Amino acid sequence: MNFTETREAINFTSSGKQLHNTTLWEKMTTELESGDNIVLNDTETREFEFVLNGRNSAKSNIRMQGLRCISGFCPLDEVIE
């Protein structure tokens, strides 16, 4: 999926544990399970791919969260109306 809005990161979590980025590329196709993902966040690409299937029932509730500011503080330019 392509995304155009600015994000410092896209985190995938299951049961409160973060699922590592690049797992989609590190496994064989037959080993893929829900939550495996790859986030390409460079300015030219800005795409992510993820897997949803029933191979690991422990990962039945996956949260995908786009983070604008990883540090929690991002100064924004003043909006002039």
PDB file of N, CA and C in Angstrom:
ATOM      1  N   MET A   1       0.840  -1.175   0.000  1.00  0.00           N
ATOM      2  CA  MET A   1       0.000   0.000   0.000  1.00  0.00           C
ATOM      3  C   MET A   1       0.882   1.234   0.000  1.00  0.00           C
ATOM      4  N   ASN A   2       0.539   2.170  -0.798  1.00  0.00           N
ATOM      5  CA  ASN A   2       1.265   3.422  -0.853  1.00  0.00           C
ATOM      6  C   ASN A   2       0.681   4.381   0.181  1.00  0.00           C
ATOM      7  N   PHE A   3       1.519   5.174   0.818  1.00  0.00           N
ATOM      8  CA  PHE A   3       1.013   6.211   1.710  1.00  0.00           C
ATOM      9  C   PHE A   3       1.747   7.504   1.414  1.00  0.00           C
ATOM     10  N   THR A   4       1.028   8.605   1.475  1.00  0.00           N
ATOM     11  CA  THR A   4       1.630   9.886   1.118  1.00  0.00           C
ATOM     12  C   THR A   4       1.766  10.813   2.309  1.00  0.00           C
ATOM     13  N   GLU A   5       1.061  10.555   3.395  1.00  0.00           N
ATOM     14  CA  GLU A   5       1.171  11.416   4.560  1.00  0.00           C
ATOM     15  C   GLU A   5       2.479  11.125   5.286  1.00  0.00           C
ATOM     16  N   THR A   6       3.094  12.145   5.841  1.00  0.00           N
ATOM     17  CA  THR A   6       4.388  12.004   6.490  1.00  0.00           C
ATOM     18  C   THR A   6       4.271  11.194   7.777  1.00  0.00           C
ATOM     19  N   ARG A   7       5.062  10.150   7.883  1.00  0.00           N
ATOM     20  CA  ARG A   7       5.143   9.311   9.081  1.00  0.00           C
ATOM     21  C   ARG A   7       6.612   8.996   9.326  1.00  0.00           C
ATOM     22  N   GLU A   8       7.029   9.089  10.592  1.00  0.00           N
ATOM     23  CA  GLU A   8       8.394   8.674  10.919  1.00  0.00           C
ATOM     24  C   GLU A   8       8.492   7.162  10.984  1.00  0.00           C
ATOM     25  N   ALA A   9       7.375   6.511  11.317  1.00  0.00           N
ATOM     26  CA  ALA A   9       7.383   5.060  11.444  1.00  0.00           C
ATOM     27  C   ALA A   9       5.960   4.531  11.312  1.00  0.00           C
ATOM     28  N   ILE A  10       5.859   3.268  10.954  1.00  0.00           N
ATOM     29  CA  ILE A  10       4.603   2.535  11.026  1.00  0.00           C
ATOM     30  C   ILE A  10       4.906   1.292  11.839  1.00  0.00           C
ATOM     31  N   ASN A  11       4.262   1.187  12.987  1.00  0.00           N
ATOM     32  CA  ASN A  11       4.501   0.062  13.881  1.00  0.00           C
ATOM     33  C   ASN A  11       3.374  -0.952  13.772  1.00  0.00           C
ATOM     34  N   PHE A  12       3.743  -2.214  13.741  1.00  0.00           N
ATOM     35  CA  PHE A  12       2.796  -3.321  13.794  1.00  0.00           C
ATOM     36  C   PHE A  12       2.986  -3.994  15.146  1.00  0.00           C
ATOM     37  N   THR A  13       1.906  -4.154  15.919  1.00  0.00           N
ATOM     38  CA  THR A  13       1.989  -4.818  17.213  1.00  0.00           C
ATOM     39  C   THR A  13       0.926  -5.900  17.315  1.00  0.00           C
ATOM     40  N   SER A  14       1.211  -6.905  18.121  1.00  0.00           N
ATOM     41  CA  SER A  14       0.273  -7.980  18.426  1.00  0.00           C
ATOM     42  C   SER A  14       0.470  -8.343  19.888  1.00  0.00           C
ATOM     43  N   SER A  15      -0.613  -8.338  20.653  1.00  0.00           N
ATOM     44  CA  SER A  15      -0.563  -8.631  22.094  1.00  0.00           C
ATOM     45  C   SER A  15       0.442  -7.743  22.816  1.00  0.00           C
ATOM     46  N   GLY A  16       0.541  -6.490  22.391  1.00  0.00           N
ATOM     47  CA  GLY A  16       1.421  -5.529  23.034  1.00  0.00           C
ATOM     48  C   GLY A  16       2.884  -5.642  22.654  1.00  0.00           C
ATOM     49  N   LYS A  17       3.242  -6.563  21.785  1.00  0.00           N
ATOM     50  CA  LYS A  17       4.636  -6.730  21.354  1.00  0.00           C
ATOM     51  C   LYS A  17       4.789  -6.243  19.929  1.00  0.00           C
ATOM     52  N   GLN A  18       5.842  -5.462  19.701  1.00  0.00           N
ATOM     53  CA  GLN A  18       6.078  -4.934  18.359  1.00  0.00           C
ATOM     54  C   GLN A  18       6.594  -6.030  17.444  1.00  0.00           C
ATOM     55  N   LEU A  19       6.012  -6.092  16.245  1.00  0.00           N
ATOM     56  CA  LEU A  19       6.460  -7.039  15.227  1.00  0.00           C
ATOM     57  C   LEU A  19       7.537  -6.350  14.401  1.00  0.00           C
ATOM     58  N   HIS A  20       8.634  -7.023  14.206  1.00  0.00           N
ATOM     59  CA  HIS A  20       9.784  -6.398  13.559  1.00  0.00           C
ATOM     60  C   HIS A  20       9.539  -6.099  12.083  1.00  0.00           C
ATOM     61  N   ASN A  21      10.058  -4.966  11.648  1.00  0.00           N
ATOM     62  CA  ASN A  21      10.030  -4.586  10.243  1.00  0.00           C
ATOM     63  C   ASN A  21      10.940  -5.528   9.462  1.00  0.00           C
ATOM     64  N   THR A  22      10.681  -5.714   8.233  1.00  0.00           N
ATOM     65  CA  THR A  22      11.411  -6.545   7.258  1.00  0.00           C
ATOM     66  C   THR A  22      11.128  -8.038   7.393  1.00  0.00           C
ATOM     67  N   THR A  23      10.248  -8.457   8.311  1.00  0.00           N
ATOM     68  CA  THR A  23       9.961  -9.887   8.419  1.00  0.00           C
ATOM     69  C   THR A  23       9.358 -10.436   7.139  1.00  0.00           C
ATOM     70  N   LEU A  24       8.708  -9.605   6.362  1.00  0.00           N
ATOM     71  CA  LEU A  24       8.122 -10.057   5.101  1.00  0.00           C
ATOM     72  C   LEU A  24       9.206 -10.500   4.126  1.00  0.00           C
ATOM     73  N   TRP A  25      10.359  -9.881   4.156  1.00  0.00           N
ATOM     74  CA  TRP A  25      11.446 -10.230   3.239  1.00  0.00           C
ATOM     75  C   TRP A  25      12.391 -11.285   3.800  1.00  0.00           C
ATOM     76  N   GLU A  26      12.325 -11.526   5.106  1.00  0.00           N
ATOM     77  CA  GLU A  26      13.269 -12.453   5.731  1.00  0.00           C
ATOM     78  C   GLU A  26      12.798 -13.903   5.729  1.00  0.00           C
ATOM     79  N   LYS A  27      11.542 -14.156   5.384  1.00  0.00           N
ATOM     80  CA  LYS A  27      10.989 -15.505   5.455  1.00  0.00           C
ATOM     81  C   LYS A  27      10.647 -16.029   4.069  1.00  0.00           C
ATOM     82  N   MET A  28      10.600 -17.337   3.979  1.00  0.00           N
ATOM     83  CA  MET A  28      10.111 -17.984   2.765  1.00  0.00           C
ATOM     84  C   MET A  28       8.598 -17.798   2.715  1.00  0.00           C
ATOM     85  N   THR A  29       8.023 -17.801   1.547  1.00  0.00           N
ATOM     86  CA  THR A  29       6.581 -17.598   1.376  1.00  0.00           C
ATOM     87  C   THR A  29       5.773 -18.569   2.227  1.00  0.00           C
ATOM     88  N   THR A  30       6.195 -19.798   2.336  1.00  0.00           N
ATOM     89  CA  THR A  30       5.451 -20.801   3.100  1.00  0.00           C
ATOM     90  C   THR A  30       5.542 -20.577   4.612  1.00  0.00           C
ATOM     91  N   GLU A  31       6.463 -19.723   5.072  1.00  0.00           N
ATOM     92  CA  GLU A  31       6.632 -19.443   6.501  1.00  0.00           C
ATOM     93  C   GLU A  31       5.903 -18.180   6.950  1.00  0.00           C
ATOM     94  N   LEU A  32       5.385 -17.396   6.019  1.00  0.00           N
ATOM     95  CA  LEU A  32       4.769 -16.111   6.359  1.00  0.00           C
ATOM     96  C   LEU A  32       3.544 -16.311   7.228  1.00  0.00           C
ATOM     97  N   GLU A  33       3.370 -15.407   8.209  1.00  0.00           N
ATOM     98  CA  GLU A  33       2.198 -15.446   9.074  1.00  0.00           C
ATOM     99  C   GLU A  33       1.716 -14.025   9.321  1.00  0.00           C
ATOM    100  N   SER A  34       0.508 -13.906   9.819  1.00  0.00           N
ATOM    101  CA  SER A  34      -0.079 -12.584  10.051  1.00  0.00           C
ATOM    102  C   SER A  34       0.884 -11.683  10.805  1.00  0.00           C
ATOM    103  N   GLY A  35       0.964 -10.452  10.352  1.00  0.00           N
ATOM    104  CA  GLY A  35       1.814  -9.461  11.007  1.00  0.00           C
ATOM    105  C   GLY A  35       3.182  -9.299  10.389  1.00  0.00           C
ATOM    106  N   ASP A  36       3.629 -10.283   9.601  1.00  0.00           N
ATOM    107  CA  ASP A  36       4.901 -10.093   8.907  1.00  0.00           C
ATOM    108  C   ASP A  36       4.748  -8.890   7.991  1.00  0.00           C
ATOM    109  N   ASN A  37       5.762  -8.032   7.960  1.00  0.00           N
ATOM    110  CA  ASN A  37       5.616  -6.772   7.243  1.00  0.00           C
ATOM    111  C   ASN A  37       6.944  -6.235   6.759  1.00  0.00           C
ATOM    112  N   ILE A  38       6.848  -5.286   5.862  1.00  0.00           N
ATOM    113  CA  ILE A  38       7.997  -4.487   5.421  1.00  0.00           C
ATOM    114  C   ILE A  38       7.493  -3.064   5.233  1.00  0.00           C
ATOM    115  N   VAL A  39       8.205  -2.111   5.822  1.00  0.00           N
ATOM    116  CA  VAL A  39       7.868  -0.698   5.679  1.00  0.00           C
ATOM    117  C   VAL A  39       9.036  -0.025   4.974  1.00  0.00           C
ATOM    118  N   LEU A  40       8.765   0.532   3.817  1.00  0.00           N
ATOM    119  CA  LEU A  40       9.764   1.270   3.044  1.00  0.00           C
ATOM    120  C   LEU A  40       9.404   2.741   3.199  1.00  0.00           C
ATOM    121  N   ASN A  41      10.070   3.400   4.116  1.00  0.00           N
ATOM    122  CA  ASN A  41       9.665   4.741   4.530  1.00  0.00           C
ATOM    123  C   ASN A  41      10.520   5.843   3.934  1.00  0.00           C
ATOM    124  N   ASP A  42      11.361   5.508   2.949  1.00  0.00           N
ATOM    125  CA  ASP A  42      12.155   6.575   2.342  1.00  0.00           C
ATOM    126  C   ASP A  42      11.235   7.469   1.507  1.00  0.00           C
ATOM    127  N   THR A  43      11.620   8.701   1.320  1.00  0.00           N
ATOM    128  CA  THR A  43      10.782   9.703   0.672  1.00  0.00           C
ATOM    129  C   THR A  43      10.326   9.282  -0.712  1.00  0.00           C
ATOM    130  N   GLU A  44      11.180   8.613  -1.471  1.00  0.00           N
ATOM    131  CA  GLU A  44      10.835   8.238  -2.832  1.00  0.00           C
ATOM    132  C   GLU A  44       9.851   7.072  -2.891  1.00  0.00           C
ATOM    133  N   THR A  45       9.843   6.193  -1.886  1.00  0.00           N
ATOM    134  CA  THR A  45       9.036   4.972  -1.953  1.00  0.00           C
ATOM    135  C   THR A  45       7.740   5.092  -1.151  1.00  0.00           C
ATOM    136  N   ARG A  46       7.848   5.231   0.160  1.00  0.00           N
ATOM    137  CA  ARG A  46       6.700   5.330   1.072  1.00  0.00           C
ATOM    138  C   ARG A  46       5.641   4.271   0.792  1.00  0.00           C
ATOM    139  N   GLU A  47       6.013   3.035   1.006  1.00  0.00           N
ATOM    140  CA  GLU A  47       5.096   1.910   0.841  1.00  0.00           C
ATOM    141  C   GLU A  47       5.262   0.951   2.004  1.00  0.00           C
ATOM    142  N   PHE A  48       4.210   0.200   2.289  1.00  0.00           N
ATOM    143  CA  PHE A  48       4.331  -0.885   3.243  1.00  0.00           C
ATOM    144  C   PHE A  48       3.518  -2.065   2.740  1.00  0.00           C
ATOM    145  N   GLU A  49       3.954  -3.246   3.111  1.00  0.00           N
ATOM    146  CA  GLU A  49       3.257  -4.479   2.784  1.00  0.00           C
ATOM    147  C   GLU A  49       3.150  -5.283   4.065  1.00  0.00           C
ATOM    148  N   PHE A  50       2.051  -6.014   4.201  1.00  0.00           N
ATOM    149  CA  PHE A  50       1.878  -6.835   5.389  1.00  0.00           C
ATOM    150  C   PHE A  50       1.079  -8.078   5.043  1.00  0.00           C
ATOM    151  N   VAL A  51       1.166  -9.078   5.907  1.00  0.00           N
ATOM    152  CA  VAL A  51       0.511 -10.359   5.685  1.00  0.00           C
ATOM    153  C   VAL A  51      -0.637 -10.522   6.669  1.00  0.00           C
ATOM    154  N   LEU A  52      -1.765 -10.993   6.163  1.00  0.00           N
ATOM    155  CA  LEU A  52      -2.890 -11.403   6.999  1.00  0.00           C
ATOM    156  C   LEU A  52      -3.282 -12.810   6.554  1.00  0.00           C
ATOM    157  N   ASN A  53      -3.128 -13.760   7.446  1.00  0.00           N
ATOM    158  CA  ASN A  53      -3.558 -15.126   7.175  1.00  0.00           C
ATOM    159  C   ASN A  53      -3.826 -15.809   8.519  1.00  0.00           C
ATOM    160  N   GLY A  54      -4.139 -17.058   8.532  1.00  0.00           N
ATOM    161  CA  GLY A  54      -4.477 -17.744   9.780  1.00  0.00           C
ATOM    162  C   GLY A  54      -3.395 -18.673  10.282  1.00  0.00           C
ATOM    163  N   ARG A  55      -2.154 -18.457   9.892  1.00  0.00           N
ATOM    164  CA  ARG A  55      -1.095 -19.394  10.261  1.00  0.00           C
ATOM    165  C   ARG A  55      -0.662 -19.320  11.718  1.00  0.00           C
ATOM    166  N   ASN A  56      -0.903 -18.224  12.398  1.00  0.00           N
ATOM    167  CA  ASN A  56      -0.519 -18.112  13.807  1.00  0.00           C
ATOM    168  C   ASN A  56      -1.698 -17.496  14.560  1.00  0.00           C
ATOM    169  N   SER A  57      -2.473 -18.331  15.218  1.00  0.00           N
ATOM    170  CA  SER A  57      -3.681 -17.852  15.900  1.00  0.00           C
ATOM    171  C   SER A  57      -3.363 -16.917  17.063  1.00  0.00           C
ATOM    172  N   ALA A  58      -2.135 -16.929  17.560  1.00  0.00           N
ATOM    173  CA  ALA A  58      -1.736 -16.008  18.630  1.00  0.00           C
ATOM    174  C   ALA A  58      -1.685 -14.569  18.127  1.00  0.00           C
ATOM    175  N   LYS A  59      -1.598 -14.401  16.828  1.00  0.00           N
ATOM    176  CA  LYS A  59      -1.554 -13.062  16.229  1.00  0.00           C
ATOM    177  C   LYS A  59      -2.900 -12.740  15.581  1.00  0.00           C
ATOM    178  N   SER A  60      -3.974 -12.892  16.336  1.00  0.00           N
ATOM    179  CA  SER A  60      -5.302 -12.645  15.772  1.00  0.00           C
ATOM    180  C   SER A  60      -5.730 -11.187  15.903  1.00  0.00           C
ATOM    181  N   ASN A  61      -5.016 -10.406  16.691  1.00  0.00           N
ATOM    182  CA  ASN A  61      -5.351  -8.998  16.891  1.00  0.00           C
ATOM    183  C   ASN A  61      -4.100  -8.168  16.615  1.00  0.00           C
ATOM    184  N   ILE A  62      -3.987  -7.664  15.403  1.00  0.00           N
ATOM    185  CA  ILE A  62      -2.797  -6.912  15.008  1.00  0.00           C
ATOM    186  C   ILE A  62      -3.169  -5.442  14.873  1.00  0.00           C
ATOM    187  N   ARG A  63      -2.338  -4.602  15.468  1.00  0.00           N
ATOM    188  CA  ARG A  63      -2.559  -3.159  15.402  1.00  0.00           C
ATOM    189  C   ARG A  63      -1.483  -2.538  14.522  1.00  0.00           C
ATOM    190  N   MET A  64      -1.909  -1.720  13.589  1.00  0.00           N
ATOM    191  CA  MET A  64      -0.993  -0.985  12.732  1.00  0.00           C
ATOM    192  C   MET A  64      -1.135   0.487  13.099  1.00  0.00           C
ATOM    193  N   GLN A  65      -0.036   1.120  13.500  1.00  0.00           N
ATOM    194  CA  GLN A  65      -0.085   2.501  13.977  1.00  0.00           C
ATOM    195  C   GLN A  65       0.955   3.341  13.246  1.00  0.00           C
ATOM    196  N   GLY A  66       0.466   4.372  12.566  1.00  0.00           N
ATOM    197  CA  GLY A  66       1.362   5.321  11.919  1.00  0.00           C
ATOM    198  C   GLY A  66       1.759   6.406  12.907  1.00  0.00           C
ATOM    199  N   LEU A  67       3.048   6.624  13.065  1.00  0.00           N
ATOM    200  CA  LEU A  67       3.555   7.604  14.028  1.00  0.00           C
ATOM    201  C   LEU A  67       4.172   8.784  13.284  1.00  0.00           C
ATOM    202  N   ARG A  68       3.631   9.954  13.525  1.00  0.00           N
ATOM    203  CA  ARG A  68       4.207  11.161  12.927  1.00  0.00           C
ATOM    204  C   ARG A  68       5.516  11.523  13.605  1.00  0.00           C
ATOM    205  N   CYS A  69       5.552  11.360  14.917  1.00  0.00           N
ATOM    206  CA  CYS A  69       6.723  11.760  15.703  1.00  0.00           C
ATOM    207  C   CYS A  69       7.062  10.646  16.679  1.00  0.00           C
ATOM    208  N   ILE A  70       8.158   9.996  16.473  1.00  0.00           N
ATOM    209  CA  ILE A  70       8.560   8.894  17.344  1.00  0.00           C
ATOM    210  C   ILE A  70       8.864   9.397  18.748  1.00  0.00           C
ATOM    211  N   SER A  71       9.474  10.562  18.856  1.00  0.00           N
ATOM    212  CA  SER A  71       9.859  11.096  20.163  1.00  0.00           C
ATOM    213  C   SER A  71       8.669  11.623  20.952  1.00  0.00           C
ATOM    214  N   GLY A  72       7.524  11.814  20.302  1.00  0.00           N
ATOM    215  CA  GLY A  72       6.345  12.328  20.979  1.00  0.00           C
ATOM    216  C   GLY A  72       6.212  13.836  20.914  1.00  0.00           C
ATOM    217  N   PHE A  73       7.245  14.532  20.441  1.00  0.00           N
ATOM    218  CA  PHE A  73       7.186  15.985  20.312  1.00  0.00           C
ATOM    219  C   PHE A  73       7.662  16.367  18.924  1.00  0.00           C
ATOM    220  N   CYS A  74       6.772  16.990  18.185  1.00  0.00           N
ATOM    221  CA  CYS A  74       7.135  17.441  16.847  1.00  0.00           C
ATOM    222  C   CYS A  74       6.679  18.889  16.690  1.00  0.00           C
ATOM    223  N   PRO A  75       7.605  19.788  16.605  1.00  0.00           N
ATOM    224  CA  PRO A  75       7.207  21.170  16.382  1.00  0.00           C
ATOM    225  C   PRO A  75       6.601  21.322  14.993  1.00  0.00           C
ATOM    226  N   LEU A  76       5.449  21.933  14.927  1.00  0.00           N
ATOM    227  CA  LEU A  76       4.761  22.159  13.662  1.00  0.00           C
ATOM    228  C   LEU A  76       4.840  23.621  13.268  1.00  0.00           C
ATOM    229  N   ASP A  77       4.864  23.863  11.993  1.00  0.00           N
ATOM    230  CA  ASP A  77       4.850  25.229  11.514  1.00  0.00           C
ATOM    231  C   ASP A  77       3.518  25.875  11.879  1.00  0.00           C
ATOM    232  N   GLU A  78       3.556  27.159  12.174  1.00  0.00           N
ATOM    233  CA  GLU A  78       2.349  27.895  12.510  1.00  0.00           C
ATOM    234  C   GLU A  78       1.441  27.992  11.286  1.00  0.00           C
ATOM    235  N   VAL A  79       0.153  27.763  11.525  1.00  0.00           N
ATOM    236  CA  VAL A  79      -0.838  27.883  10.454  1.00  0.00           C
ATOM    237  C   VAL A  79      -1.322  29.317  10.416  1.00  0.00           C
ATOM    238  N   ILE A  80      -1.156  29.966   9.278  1.00  0.00           N
ATOM    239  CA  ILE A  80      -1.590  31.356   9.130  1.00  0.00           C
ATOM    240  C   ILE A  80      -2.849  31.348   8.283  1.00  0.00           C
ATOM    241  N   GLU A  81      -3.916  31.908   8.840  1.00  0.00           N
ATOM    242  CA  GLU A  81      -5.201  31.939   8.126  1.00  0.00           C
ATOM    243  C   GLU A  81      -5.415  33.265   7.456  1.00  0.00           C
TER     244      GLU A  81
END
